[in-house]
Amino acid sequence: INKEFQSFLPPGGRILEIRTPEVVASVKK
């Protein structure tokens, strides 16, 4: 994913972790 996003990120930028928002919990509720 980092390789594919490299053209969209600033120099030296990378994706460190994947998070999901709180909306997933509200959708499950």
mmCIF file of all heavy atoms, coordinates in Angstrom:
data_MODEL
# 
_entry.id   MODEL 
# 
loop_
_atom_site.group_PDB 
_atom_site.id 
_atom_site.type_symbol 
_atom_site.label_atom_id 
_atom_site.label_alt_id 
_atom_site.label_comp_id 
_atom_site.label_asym_id 
_atom_site.label_entity_id 
_atom_site.label_seq_id 
_atom_site.pdbx_PDB_ins_code 
_atom_site.Cartn_x 
_atom_site.Cartn_y 
_atom_site.Cartn_z 
_atom_site.occupancy 
_atom_site.B_iso_or_equiv 
_atom_site.pdbx_formal_charge 
_atom_site.auth_seq_id 
_atom_site.auth_comp_id 
_atom_site.auth_asym_id 
_atom_site.auth_atom_id 
_atom_site.pdbx_PDB_model_num 
ATOM 1   N N   . ILE A 1 1  ? 0.843   -1.203 0.000  1.00 0.00 ? 1  ILE A N   1 
ATOM 2   C CA  . ILE A 1 1  ? 0.000   0.000  0.000  1.00 0.00 ? 1  ILE A CA  1 
ATOM 3   C C   . ILE A 1 1  ? 0.873   1.245  0.000  1.00 0.00 ? 1  ILE A C   1 
ATOM 4   O O   . ILE A 1 1  ? 0.610   2.215  -0.724 1.00 0.00 ? 1  ILE A O   1 
ATOM 5   C CB  . ILE A 1 1  ? -0.965  -0.018 1.203  1.00 0.00 ? 1  ILE A CB  1 
ATOM 6   C CG1 . ILE A 1 1  ? -1.985  -1.150 1.051  1.00 0.00 ? 1  ILE A CG1 1 
ATOM 7   C CG2 . ILE A 1 1  ? -1.691  1.311  1.346  1.00 0.00 ? 1  ILE A CG2 1 
ATOM 8   C CD1 . ILE A 1 1  ? -2.837  -1.406 2.269  1.00 0.00 ? 1  ILE A CD1 1 
ATOM 9   N N   . ASN A 1 2  ? 1.950   1.248  0.794  1.00 0.00 ? 2  ASN A N   1 
ATOM 10  C CA  . ASN A 1 2  ? 2.874   2.386  0.830  1.00 0.00 ? 2  ASN A CA  1 
ATOM 11  C C   . ASN A 1 2  ? 3.497   2.634  -0.538 1.00 0.00 ? 2  ASN A C   1 
ATOM 12  O O   . ASN A 1 2  ? 3.664   3.790  -0.956 1.00 0.00 ? 2  ASN A O   1 
ATOM 13  C CB  . ASN A 1 2  ? 3.968   2.163  1.874  1.00 0.00 ? 2  ASN A CB  1 
ATOM 14  C CG  . ASN A 1 2  ? 3.612   2.759  3.216  1.00 0.00 ? 2  ASN A CG  1 
ATOM 15  O OD1 . ASN A 1 2  ? 3.066   3.853  3.293  1.00 0.00 ? 2  ASN A OD1 1 
ATOM 16  N ND2 . ASN A 1 2  ? 3.897   2.030  4.271  1.00 0.00 ? 2  ASN A ND2 1 
ATOM 17  N N   . LYS A 1 3  ? 3.859   1.579  -1.259 1.00 0.00 ? 3  LYS A N   1 
ATOM 18  C CA  . LYS A 1 3  ? 4.443   1.743  -2.589 1.00 0.00 ? 3  LYS A CA  1 
ATOM 19  C C   . LYS A 1 3  ? 3.450   2.411  -3.539 1.00 0.00 ? 3  LYS A C   1 
ATOM 20  O O   . LYS A 1 3  ? 3.822   3.280  -4.322 1.00 0.00 ? 3  LYS A O   1 
ATOM 21  C CB  . LYS A 1 3  ? 4.865   0.380  -3.158 1.00 0.00 ? 3  LYS A CB  1 
ATOM 22  C CG  . LYS A 1 3  ? 6.113   -0.177 -2.530 1.00 0.00 ? 3  LYS A CG  1 
ATOM 23  C CD  . LYS A 1 3  ? 6.448   -1.525 -3.134 1.00 0.00 ? 3  LYS A CD  1 
ATOM 24  C CE  . LYS A 1 3  ? 7.577   -2.183 -2.362 1.00 0.00 ? 3  LYS A CE  1 
ATOM 25  N NZ  . LYS A 1 3  ? 7.810   -3.563 -2.825 1.00 0.00 ? 3  LYS A NZ  1 
ATOM 26  N N   . GLU A 1 4  ? 2.184   1.995  -3.454 1.00 0.00 ? 4  GLU A N   1 
ATOM 27  C CA  . GLU A 1 4  ? 1.185   2.573  -4.356 1.00 0.00 ? 4  GLU A CA  1 
ATOM 28  C C   . GLU A 1 4  ? 0.826   4.006  -3.968 1.00 0.00 ? 4  GLU A C   1 
ATOM 29  O O   . GLU A 1 4  ? 0.473   4.814  -4.816 1.00 0.00 ? 4  GLU A O   1 
ATOM 30  C CB  . GLU A 1 4  ? -0.068  1.697  -4.366 1.00 0.00 ? 4  GLU A CB  1 
ATOM 31  C CG  . GLU A 1 4  ? 0.161   0.364  -5.057 1.00 0.00 ? 4  GLU A CG  1 
ATOM 32  C CD  . GLU A 1 4  ? -1.118  -0.370 -5.353 1.00 0.00 ? 4  GLU A CD  1 
ATOM 33  O OE1 . GLU A 1 4  ? -2.063  0.270  -5.862 1.00 0.00 ? 4  GLU A OE1 1 
ATOM 34  O OE2 . GLU A 1 4  ? -1.168  -1.575 -5.081 1.00 0.00 ? 4  GLU A OE2 1 
ATOM 35  N N   . PHE A 1 5  ? 0.899   4.329  -2.688 1.00 0.00 ? 5  PHE A N   1 
ATOM 36  C CA  . PHE A 1 5  ? 0.574   5.678  -2.222 1.00 0.00 ? 5  PHE A CA  1 
ATOM 37  C C   . PHE A 1 5  ? 1.757   6.645  -2.339 1.00 0.00 ? 5  PHE A C   1 
ATOM 38  O O   . PHE A 1 5  ? 1.598   7.830  -2.088 1.00 0.00 ? 5  PHE A O   1 
ATOM 39  C CB  . PHE A 1 5  ? 0.111   5.639  -0.756 1.00 0.00 ? 5  PHE A CB  1 
ATOM 40  C CG  . PHE A 1 5  ? -1.369  5.536  -0.583 1.00 0.00 ? 5  PHE A CG  1 
ATOM 41  C CD1 . PHE A 1 5  ? -1.962  4.320  -0.262 1.00 0.00 ? 5  PHE A CD1 1 
ATOM 42  C CD2 . PHE A 1 5  ? -2.179  6.641  -0.740 1.00 0.00 ? 5  PHE A CD2 1 
ATOM 43  C CE1 . PHE A 1 5  ? -3.325  4.215  -0.099 1.00 0.00 ? 5  PHE A CE1 1 
ATOM 44  C CE2 . PHE A 1 5  ? -3.551  6.544  -0.577 1.00 0.00 ? 5  PHE A CE2 1 
ATOM 45  C CZ  . PHE A 1 5  ? -4.128  5.325  -0.265 1.00 0.00 ? 5  PHE A CZ  1 
ATOM 46  N N   . GLN A 1 6  ? 2.942   6.162  -2.676 1.00 0.00 ? 6  GLN A N   1 
ATOM 47  C CA  . GLN A 1 6  ? 4.153   6.992  -2.683 1.00 0.00 ? 6  GLN A CA  1 
ATOM 48  C C   . GLN A 1 6  ? 3.997   8.243  -3.539 1.00 0.00 ? 6  GLN A C   1 
ATOM 49  O O   . GLN A 1 6  ? 4.475   9.316  -3.170 1.00 0.00 ? 6  GLN A O   1 
ATOM 50  C CB  . GLN A 1 6  ? 5.356   6.161  -3.161 1.00 0.00 ? 6  GLN A CB  1 
ATOM 51  C CG  . GLN A 1 6  ? 6.689   6.737  -2.730 1.00 0.00 ? 6  GLN A CG  1 
ATOM 52  C CD  . GLN A 1 6  ? 6.804   6.821  -1.209 1.00 0.00 ? 6  GLN A CD  1 
ATOM 53  O OE1 . GLN A 1 6  ? 6.511   5.852  -0.518 1.00 0.00 ? 6  GLN A OE1 1 
ATOM 54  N NE2 . GLN A 1 6  ? 7.210   7.949  -0.699 1.00 0.00 ? 6  GLN A NE2 1 
ATOM 55  N N   . SER A 1 7  ? 3.291   8.128  -4.661 1.00 0.00 ? 7  SER A N   1 
ATOM 56  C CA  . SER A 1 7  ? 3.146   9.302  -5.531 1.00 0.00 ? 7  SER A CA  1 
ATOM 57  C C   . SER A 1 7  ? 2.199   10.346 -4.922 1.00 0.00 ? 7  SER A C   1 
ATOM 58  O O   . SER A 1 7  ? 2.260   11.520 -5.289 1.00 0.00 ? 7  SER A O   1 
ATOM 59  C CB  . SER A 1 7  ? 2.636   8.872  -6.906 1.00 0.00 ? 7  SER A CB  1 
ATOM 60  O OG  . SER A 1 7  ? 1.376   8.256  -6.774 1.00 0.00 ? 7  SER A OG  1 
ATOM 61  N N   . PHE A 1 8  ? 1.347   9.950  -3.968 1.00 0.00 ? 8  PHE A N   1 
ATOM 62  C CA  . PHE A 1 8  ? 0.406   10.876 -3.344 1.00 0.00 ? 8  PHE A CA  1 
ATOM 63  C C   . PHE A 1 8  ? 0.948   11.480 -2.049 1.00 0.00 ? 8  PHE A C   1 
ATOM 64  O O   . PHE A 1 8  ? 0.416   12.469 -1.572 1.00 0.00 ? 8  PHE A O   1 
ATOM 65  C CB  . PHE A 1 8  ? -0.920  10.162 -3.029 1.00 0.00 ? 8  PHE A CB  1 
ATOM 66  C CG  . PHE A 1 8  ? -1.579  9.581  -4.243 1.00 0.00 ? 8  PHE A CG  1 
ATOM 67  C CD1 . PHE A 1 8  ? -1.569  8.212  -4.460 1.00 0.00 ? 8  PHE A CD1 1 
ATOM 68  C CD2 . PHE A 1 8  ? -2.197  10.397 -5.179 1.00 0.00 ? 8  PHE A CD2 1 
ATOM 69  C CE1 . PHE A 1 8  ? -2.168  7.671  -5.576 1.00 0.00 ? 8  PHE A CE1 1 
ATOM 70  C CE2 . PHE A 1 8  ? -2.803  9.856  -6.302 1.00 0.00 ? 8  PHE A CE2 1 
ATOM 71  C CZ  . PHE A 1 8  ? -2.787  8.493  -6.509 1.00 0.00 ? 8  PHE A CZ  1 
ATOM 72  N N   . LEU A 1 9  ? 1.974   10.878 -1.474 1.00 0.00 ? 9  LEU A N   1 
ATOM 73  C CA  . LEU A 1 9  ? 2.521   11.320 -0.185 1.00 0.00 ? 9  LEU A CA  1 
ATOM 74  C C   . LEU A 1 9  ? 3.697   12.263 -0.406 1.00 0.00 ? 9  LEU A C   1 
ATOM 75  O O   . LEU A 1 9  ? 4.384   12.184 -1.428 1.00 0.00 ? 9  LEU A O   1 
ATOM 76  C CB  . LEU A 1 9  ? 2.971   10.105 0.636  1.00 0.00 ? 9  LEU A CB  1 
ATOM 77  C CG  . LEU A 1 9  ? 1.870   9.104  1.016  1.00 0.00 ? 9  LEU A CG  1 
ATOM 78  C CD1 . LEU A 1 9  ? 2.486   7.884  1.665  1.00 0.00 ? 9  LEU A CD1 1 
ATOM 79  C CD2 . LEU A 1 9  ? 0.854   9.739  1.937  1.00 0.00 ? 9  LEU A CD2 1 
ATOM 80  N N   . PRO A 1 10 ? 3.986   13.127 0.563  1.00 0.00 ? 10 PRO A N   1 
ATOM 81  C CA  . PRO A 1 10 ? 5.161   13.993 0.443  1.00 0.00 ? 10 PRO A CA  1 
ATOM 82  C C   . PRO A 1 10 ? 6.442   13.152 0.553  1.00 0.00 ? 10 PRO A C   1 
ATOM 83  O O   . PRO A 1 10 ? 6.400   12.011 0.995  1.00 0.00 ? 10 PRO A O   1 
ATOM 84  C CB  . PRO A 1 10 ? 5.024   14.949 1.630  1.00 0.00 ? 10 PRO A CB  1 
ATOM 85  C CG  . PRO A 1 10 ? 4.128   14.265 2.588  1.00 0.00 ? 10 PRO A CG  1 
ATOM 86  C CD  . PRO A 1 10 ? 3.233   13.381 1.786  1.00 0.00 ? 10 PRO A CD  1 
ATOM 87  N N   . PRO A 1 11 ? 7.560   13.720 0.171  1.00 0.00 ? 11 PRO A N   1 
ATOM 88  C CA  . PRO A 1 11 ? 8.816   12.963 0.262  1.00 0.00 ? 11 PRO A CA  1 
ATOM 89  C C   . PRO A 1 11 ? 9.063   12.483 1.692  1.00 0.00 ? 11 PRO A C   1 
ATOM 90  O O   . PRO A 1 11 ? 8.967   13.253 2.641  1.00 0.00 ? 11 PRO A O   1 
ATOM 91  C CB  . PRO A 1 11 ? 9.880   13.964 -0.185 1.00 0.00 ? 11 PRO A CB  1 
ATOM 92  C CG  . PRO A 1 11 ? 9.149   15.013 -0.949 1.00 0.00 ? 11 PRO A CG  1 
ATOM 93  C CD  . PRO A 1 11 ? 7.752   15.040 -0.407 1.00 0.00 ? 11 PRO A CD  1 
ATOM 94  N N   . GLY A 1 12 ? 9.364   11.226 1.823  1.00 0.00 ? 12 GLY A N   1 
ATOM 95  C CA  . GLY A 1 12 ? 9.604   10.636 3.145  1.00 0.00 ? 12 GLY A CA  1 
ATOM 96  C C   . GLY A 1 12 ? 8.335   10.222 3.873  1.00 0.00 ? 12 GLY A C   1 
ATOM 97  O O   . GLY A 1 12 ? 8.392   9.629  4.945  1.00 0.00 ? 12 GLY A O   1 
ATOM 98  N N   . GLY A 1 13 ? 7.181   10.520 3.301  1.00 0.00 ? 13 GLY A N   1 
ATOM 99  C CA  . GLY A 1 13 ? 5.916   10.172 3.941  1.00 0.00 ? 13 GLY A CA  1 
ATOM 100 C C   . GLY A 1 13 ? 5.574   8.708  3.729  1.00 0.00 ? 13 GLY A C   1 
ATOM 101 O O   . GLY A 1 13 ? 5.913   8.113  2.721  1.00 0.00 ? 13 GLY A O   1 
ATOM 102 N N   . ARG A 1 14 ? 4.926   8.138  4.729  1.00 0.00 ? 14 ARG A N   1 
ATOM 103 C CA  . ARG A 1 14 ? 4.514   6.740  4.592  1.00 0.00 ? 14 ARG A CA  1 
ATOM 104 C C   . ARG A 1 14 ? 3.318   6.464  5.505  1.00 0.00 ? 14 ARG A C   1 
ATOM 105 O O   . ARG A 1 14 ? 3.042   7.213  6.440  1.00 0.00 ? 14 ARG A O   1 
ATOM 106 C CB  . ARG A 1 14 ? 5.660   5.787  4.903  1.00 0.00 ? 14 ARG A CB  1 
ATOM 107 C CG  . ARG A 1 14 ? 6.133   5.822  6.324  1.00 0.00 ? 14 ARG A CG  1 
ATOM 108 C CD  . ARG A 1 14 ? 7.320   4.867  6.486  1.00 0.00 ? 14 ARG A CD  1 
ATOM 109 N NE  . ARG A 1 14 ? 7.623   4.638  7.866  1.00 0.00 ? 14 ARG A NE  1 
ATOM 110 C CZ  . ARG A 1 14 ? 8.342   5.435  8.642  1.00 0.00 ? 14 ARG A CZ  1 
ATOM 111 N NH1 . ARG A 1 14 ? 8.844   6.544  8.131  1.00 0.00 ? 14 ARG A NH1 1 
ATOM 112 N NH2 . ARG A 1 14 ? 8.576   5.151  9.892  1.00 0.00 ? 14 ARG A NH2 1 
ATOM 113 N N   . ILE A 1 15 ? 2.651   5.382  5.217  1.00 0.00 ? 15 ILE A N   1 
ATOM 114 C CA  . ILE A 1 15 ? 1.517   4.963  6.032  1.00 0.00 ? 15 ILE A CA  1 
ATOM 115 C C   . ILE A 1 15 ? 2.066   4.087  7.146  1.00 0.00 ? 15 ILE A C   1 
ATOM 116 O O   . ILE A 1 15 ? 2.747   3.085  6.894  1.00 0.00 ? 15 ILE A O   1 
ATOM 117 C CB  . ILE A 1 15 ? 0.487   4.184  5.181  1.00 0.00 ? 15 ILE A CB  1 
ATOM 118 C CG1 . ILE A 1 15 ? -0.050  5.104  4.080  1.00 0.00 ? 15 ILE A CG1 1 
ATOM 119 C CG2 . ILE A 1 15 ? -0.631  3.641  6.050  1.00 0.00 ? 15 ILE A CG2 1 
ATOM 120 C CD1 . ILE A 1 15 ? -0.925  4.406  3.074  1.00 0.00 ? 15 ILE A CD1 1 
ATOM 121 N N   . LEU A 1 16 ? 1.772   4.485  8.398  1.00 0.00 ? 16 LEU A N   1 
ATOM 122 C CA  . LEU A 1 16 ? 2.312   3.748  9.539  1.00 0.00 ? 16 LEU A CA  1 
ATOM 123 C C   . LEU A 1 16 ? 1.348   2.700  10.069 1.00 0.00 ? 16 LEU A C   1 
ATOM 124 O O   . LEU A 1 16 ? 1.749   1.621  10.459 1.00 0.00 ? 16 LEU A O   1 
ATOM 125 C CB  . LEU A 1 16 ? 2.667   4.729  10.660 1.00 0.00 ? 16 LEU A CB  1 
ATOM 126 C CG  . LEU A 1 16 ? 3.739   5.766  10.320 1.00 0.00 ? 16 LEU A CG  1 
ATOM 127 C CD1 . LEU A 1 16 ? 3.911   6.746  11.462 1.00 0.00 ? 16 LEU A CD1 1 
ATOM 128 C CD2 . LEU A 1 16 ? 5.056   5.065  10.022 1.00 0.00 ? 16 LEU A CD2 1 
ATOM 129 N N   . GLU A 1 17 ? 0.065   3.042  10.129 1.00 0.00 ? 17 GLU A N   1 
ATOM 130 C CA  . GLU A 1 17 ? -0.917  2.098  10.662 1.00 0.00 ? 17 GLU A CA  1 
ATOM 131 C C   . GLU A 1 17 ? -2.258  2.321  10.001 1.00 0.00 ? 17 GLU A C   1 
ATOM 132 O O   . GLU A 1 17 ? -2.528  3.366  9.428  1.00 0.00 ? 17 GLU A O   1 
ATOM 133 C CB  . GLU A 1 17 ? -1.036  2.222  12.181 1.00 0.00 ? 17 GLU A CB  1 
ATOM 134 C CG  . GLU A 1 17 ? -1.629  3.530  12.651 1.00 0.00 ? 17 GLU A CG  1 
ATOM 135 C CD  . GLU A 1 17 ? -1.799  3.590  14.155 1.00 0.00 ? 17 GLU A CD  1 
ATOM 136 O OE1 . GLU A 1 17 ? -2.404  2.661  14.706 1.00 0.00 ? 17 GLU A OE1 1 
ATOM 137 O OE2 . GLU A 1 17 ? -1.346  4.571  14.751 1.00 0.00 ? 17 GLU A OE2 1 
ATOM 138 N N   . ILE A 1 18 ? -3.092  1.311  10.101 1.00 0.00 ? 18 ILE A N   1 
ATOM 139 C CA  . ILE A 1 18 ? -4.441  1.373  9.549  1.00 0.00 ? 18 ILE A CA  1 
ATOM 140 C C   . ILE A 1 18 ? -5.398  1.525  10.727 1.00 0.00 ? 18 ILE A C   1 
ATOM 141 O O   . ILE A 1 18 ? -5.351  0.753  11.676 1.00 0.00 ? 18 ILE A O   1 
ATOM 142 C CB  . ILE A 1 18 ? -4.791  0.087  8.767  1.00 0.00 ? 18 ILE A CB  1 
ATOM 143 C CG1 . ILE A 1 18 ? -3.754  -0.223 7.686  1.00 0.00 ? 18 ILE A CG1 1 
ATOM 144 C CG2 . ILE A 1 18 ? -6.196  0.158  8.211  1.00 0.00 ? 18 ILE A CG2 1 
ATOM 145 C CD1 . ILE A 1 18 ? -3.790  0.688  6.500  1.00 0.00 ? 18 ILE A CD1 1 
ATOM 146 N N   . ARG A 1 19 ? -6.261  2.540  10.665 1.00 0.00 ? 19 ARG A N   1 
ATOM 147 C CA  . ARG A 1 19 ? -7.261  2.767  11.715 1.00 0.00 ? 19 ARG A CA  1 
ATOM 148 C C   . ARG A 1 19 ? -8.634  2.825  11.079 1.00 0.00 ? 19 ARG A C   1 
ATOM 149 O O   . ARG A 1 19 ? -8.778  3.194  9.928  1.00 0.00 ? 19 ARG A O   1 
ATOM 150 C CB  . ARG A 1 19 ? -7.025  4.107  12.414 1.00 0.00 ? 19 ARG A CB  1 
ATOM 151 C CG  . ARG A 1 19 ? -5.900  4.133  13.357 1.00 0.00 ? 19 ARG A CG  1 
ATOM 152 C CD  . ARG A 1 19 ? -5.897  5.493  14.001 1.00 0.00 ? 19 ARG A CD  1 
ATOM 153 N NE  . ARG A 1 19 ? -5.009  5.492  15.131 1.00 0.00 ? 19 ARG A NE  1 
ATOM 154 C CZ  . ARG A 1 19 ? -5.006  6.417  16.048 1.00 0.00 ? 19 ARG A CZ  1 
ATOM 155 N NH1 . ARG A 1 19 ? -5.847  7.412  15.961 1.00 0.00 ? 19 ARG A NH1 1 
ATOM 156 N NH2 . ARG A 1 19 ? -4.173  6.357  17.043 1.00 0.00 ? 19 ARG A NH2 1 
ATOM 157 N N   . THR A 1 20 ? -9.630  2.495  11.889 1.00 0.00 ? 20 THR A N   1 
ATOM 158 C CA  . THR A 1 20 ? -11.003 2.698  11.442 1.00 0.00 ? 20 THR A CA  1 
ATOM 159 C C   . THR A 1 20 ? -11.669 3.665  12.412 1.00 0.00 ? 20 THR A C   1 
ATOM 160 O O   . THR A 1 20 ? -11.353 3.671  13.598 1.00 0.00 ? 20 THR A O   1 
ATOM 161 C CB  . THR A 1 20 ? -11.785 1.372  11.397 1.00 0.00 ? 20 THR A CB  1 
ATOM 162 O OG1 . THR A 1 20 ? -11.701 0.757  12.667 1.00 0.00 ? 20 THR A OG1 1 
ATOM 163 C CG2 . THR A 1 20 ? -11.244 0.454  10.338 1.00 0.00 ? 20 THR A CG2 1 
ATOM 164 N N   . PRO A 1 21 ? -12.605 4.470  11.936 1.00 0.00 ? 21 PRO A N   1 
ATOM 165 C CA  . PRO A 1 21 ? -13.227 5.475  12.798 1.00 0.00 ? 21 PRO A CA  1 
ATOM 166 C C   . PRO A 1 21 ? -14.303 4.883  13.699 1.00 0.00 ? 21 PRO A C   1 
ATOM 167 O O   . PRO A 1 21 ? -14.646 3.711  13.616 1.00 0.00 ? 21 PRO A O   1 
ATOM 168 C CB  . PRO A 1 21 ? -13.844 6.441  11.792 1.00 0.00 ? 21 PRO A CB  1 
ATOM 169 C CG  . PRO A 1 21 ? -14.129 5.584  10.605 1.00 0.00 ? 21 PRO A CG  1 
ATOM 170 C CD  . PRO A 1 21 ? -13.019 4.565  10.567 1.00 0.00 ? 21 PRO A CD  1 
ATOM 171 N N   . GLU A 1 22 ? -14.856 5.748  14.536 1.00 0.00 ? 22 GLU A N   1 
ATOM 172 C CA  . GLU A 1 22 ? -15.902 5.344  15.467 1.00 0.00 ? 22 GLU A CA  1 
ATOM 173 C C   . GLU A 1 22 ? -17.209 5.031  14.763 1.00 0.00 ? 22 GLU A C   1 
ATOM 174 O O   . GLU A 1 22 ? -18.083 4.392  15.327 1.00 0.00 ? 22 GLU A O   1 
ATOM 175 C CB  . GLU A 1 22 ? -16.142 6.440  16.514 1.00 0.00 ? 22 GLU A CB  1 
ATOM 176 C CG  . GLU A 1 22 ? -14.984 6.683  17.457 1.00 0.00 ? 22 GLU A CG  1 
ATOM 177 C CD  . GLU A 1 22 ? -13.848 7.487  16.846 1.00 0.00 ? 22 GLU A CD  1 
ATOM 178 O OE1 . GLU A 1 22 ? -14.112 8.313  15.938 1.00 0.00 ? 22 GLU A OE1 1 
ATOM 179 O OE2 . GLU A 1 22 ? -12.702 7.287  17.245 1.00 0.00 ? 22 GLU A OE2 1 
ATOM 180 N N   . VAL A 1 23 ? -17.361 5.471  13.517 1.00 0.00 ? 23 VAL A N   1 
ATOM 181 C CA  . VAL A 1 23 ? -18.608 5.240  12.801 1.00 0.00 ? 23 VAL A CA  1 
ATOM 182 C C   . VAL A 1 23 ? -18.875 3.749  12.644 1.00 0.00 ? 23 VAL A C   1 
ATOM 183 O O   . VAL A 1 23 ? -20.020 3.321  12.596 1.00 0.00 ? 23 VAL A O   1 
ATOM 184 C CB  . VAL A 1 23 ? -18.610 5.959  11.436 1.00 0.00 ? 23 VAL A CB  1 
ATOM 185 C CG1 . VAL A 1 23 ? -17.739 5.245  10.436 1.00 0.00 ? 23 VAL A CG1 1 
ATOM 186 C CG2 . VAL A 1 23 ? -20.020 6.064  10.892 1.00 0.00 ? 23 VAL A CG2 1 
ATOM 187 N N   . VAL A 1 24 ? -17.845 2.934  12.591 1.00 0.00 ? 24 VAL A N   1 
ATOM 188 C CA  . VAL A 1 24 ? -18.039 1.489  12.458 1.00 0.00 ? 24 VAL A CA  1 
ATOM 189 C C   . VAL A 1 24 ? -18.781 0.957  13.677 1.00 0.00 ? 24 VAL A C   1 
ATOM 190 O O   . VAL A 1 24 ? -19.696 0.143  13.555 1.00 0.00 ? 24 VAL A O   1 
ATOM 191 C CB  . VAL A 1 24 ? -16.679 0.774  12.275 1.00 0.00 ? 24 VAL A CB  1 
ATOM 192 C CG1 . VAL A 1 24 ? -16.866 -0.727 12.267 1.00 0.00 ? 24 VAL A CG1 1 
ATOM 193 C CG2 . VAL A 1 24 ? -16.019 1.230  10.994 1.00 0.00 ? 24 VAL A CG2 1 
ATOM 194 N N   . ALA A 1 25 ? -18.441 1.452  14.852 1.00 0.00 ? 25 ALA A N   1 
ATOM 195 C CA  . ALA A 1 25 ? -19.139 1.016  16.062 1.00 0.00 ? 25 ALA A CA  1 
ATOM 196 C C   . ALA A 1 25 ? -20.595 1.475  16.032 1.00 0.00 ? 25 ALA A C   1 
ATOM 197 O O   . ALA A 1 25 ? -21.489 0.725  16.414 1.00 0.00 ? 25 ALA A O   1 
ATOM 198 C CB  . ALA A 1 25 ? -18.439 1.565  17.298 1.00 0.00 ? 25 ALA A CB  1 
ATOM 199 N N   . SER A 1 26 ? -20.857 2.698  15.549 1.00 0.00 ? 26 SER A N   1 
ATOM 200 C CA  . SER A 1 26 ? -22.238 3.181  15.518 1.00 0.00 ? 26 SER A CA  1 
ATOM 201 C C   . SER A 1 26 ? -23.057 2.436  14.471 1.00 0.00 ? 26 SER A C   1 
ATOM 202 O O   . SER A 1 26 ? -24.239 2.206  14.662 1.00 0.00 ? 26 SER A O   1 
ATOM 203 C CB  . SER A 1 26 ? -22.286 4.681  15.272 1.00 0.00 ? 26 SER A CB  1 
ATOM 204 O OG  . SER A 1 26 ? -21.824 4.980  13.978 1.00 0.00 ? 26 SER A OG  1 
ATOM 205 N N   . VAL A 1 27 ? -22.430 2.032  13.362 1.00 0.00 ? 27 VAL A N   1 
ATOM 206 C CA  . VAL A 1 27 ? -23.145 1.253  12.351 1.00 0.00 ? 27 VAL A CA  1 
ATOM 207 C C   . VAL A 1 27 ? -23.495 -0.108 12.921 1.00 0.00 ? 27 VAL A C   1 
ATOM 208 O O   . VAL A 1 27 ? -24.586 -0.621 12.727 1.00 0.00 ? 27 VAL A O   1 
ATOM 209 C CB  . VAL A 1 27 ? -22.307 1.117  11.057 1.00 0.00 ? 27 VAL A CB  1 
ATOM 210 C CG1 . VAL A 1 27 ? -22.910 0.081  10.126 1.00 0.00 ? 27 VAL A CG1 1 
ATOM 211 C CG2 . VAL A 1 27 ? -22.197 2.452  10.361 1.00 0.00 ? 27 VAL A CG2 1 
ATOM 212 N N   . LYS A 1 28 ? -22.583 -0.707 13.682 1.00 0.00 ? 28 LYS A N   1 
ATOM 213 C CA  . LYS A 1 28 ? -22.874 -2.005 14.301 1.00 0.00 ? 28 LYS A CA  1 
ATOM 214 C C   . LYS A 1 28 ? -23.993 -1.874 15.324 1.00 0.00 ? 28 LYS A C   1 
ATOM 215 O O   . LYS A 1 28 ? -24.823 -2.763 15.442 1.00 0.00 ? 28 LYS A O   1 
ATOM 216 C CB  . LYS A 1 28 ? -21.623 -2.581 14.960 1.00 0.00 ? 28 LYS A CB  1 
ATOM 217 C CG  . LYS A 1 28 ? -20.666 -3.153 13.954 1.00 0.00 ? 28 LYS A CG  1 
ATOM 218 C CD  . LYS A 1 28 ? -19.617 -3.943 14.674 1.00 0.00 ? 28 LYS A CD  1 
ATOM 219 C CE  . LYS A 1 28 ? -18.811 -4.701 13.676 1.00 0.00 ? 28 LYS A CE  1 
ATOM 220 N NZ  . LYS A 1 28 ? -19.135 -6.090 13.612 1.00 0.00 ? 28 LYS A NZ  1 
ATOM 221 N N   . LYS A 1 29 ? -24.036 -0.761 16.079 1.00 0.00 ? 29 LYS A N   1 
ATOM 222 C CA  . LYS A 1 29 ? -25.119 -0.561 17.041 1.00 0.00 ? 29 LYS A CA  1 
ATOM 223 C C   . LYS A 1 29 ? -26.448 -0.437 16.326 1.00 0.00 ? 29 LYS A C   1 
ATOM 224 O O   . LYS A 1 29 ? -27.466 -0.901 16.809 1.00 0.00 ? 29 LYS A O   1 
ATOM 225 C CB  . LYS A 1 29 ? -24.864 0.690  17.881 1.00 0.00 ? 29 LYS A CB  1 
ATOM 226 C CG  . LYS A 1 29 ? -23.792 0.508  18.921 1.00 0.00 ? 29 LYS A CG  1 
ATOM 227 C CD  . LYS A 1 29 ? -23.580 1.779  19.704 1.00 0.00 ? 29 LYS A CD  1 
ATOM 228 C CE  . LYS A 1 29 ? -22.383 1.643  20.620 1.00 0.00 ? 29 LYS A CE  1 
ATOM 229 N NZ  . LYS A 1 29 ? -22.048 2.900  21.261 1.00 0.00 ? 29 LYS A NZ  1 
# 
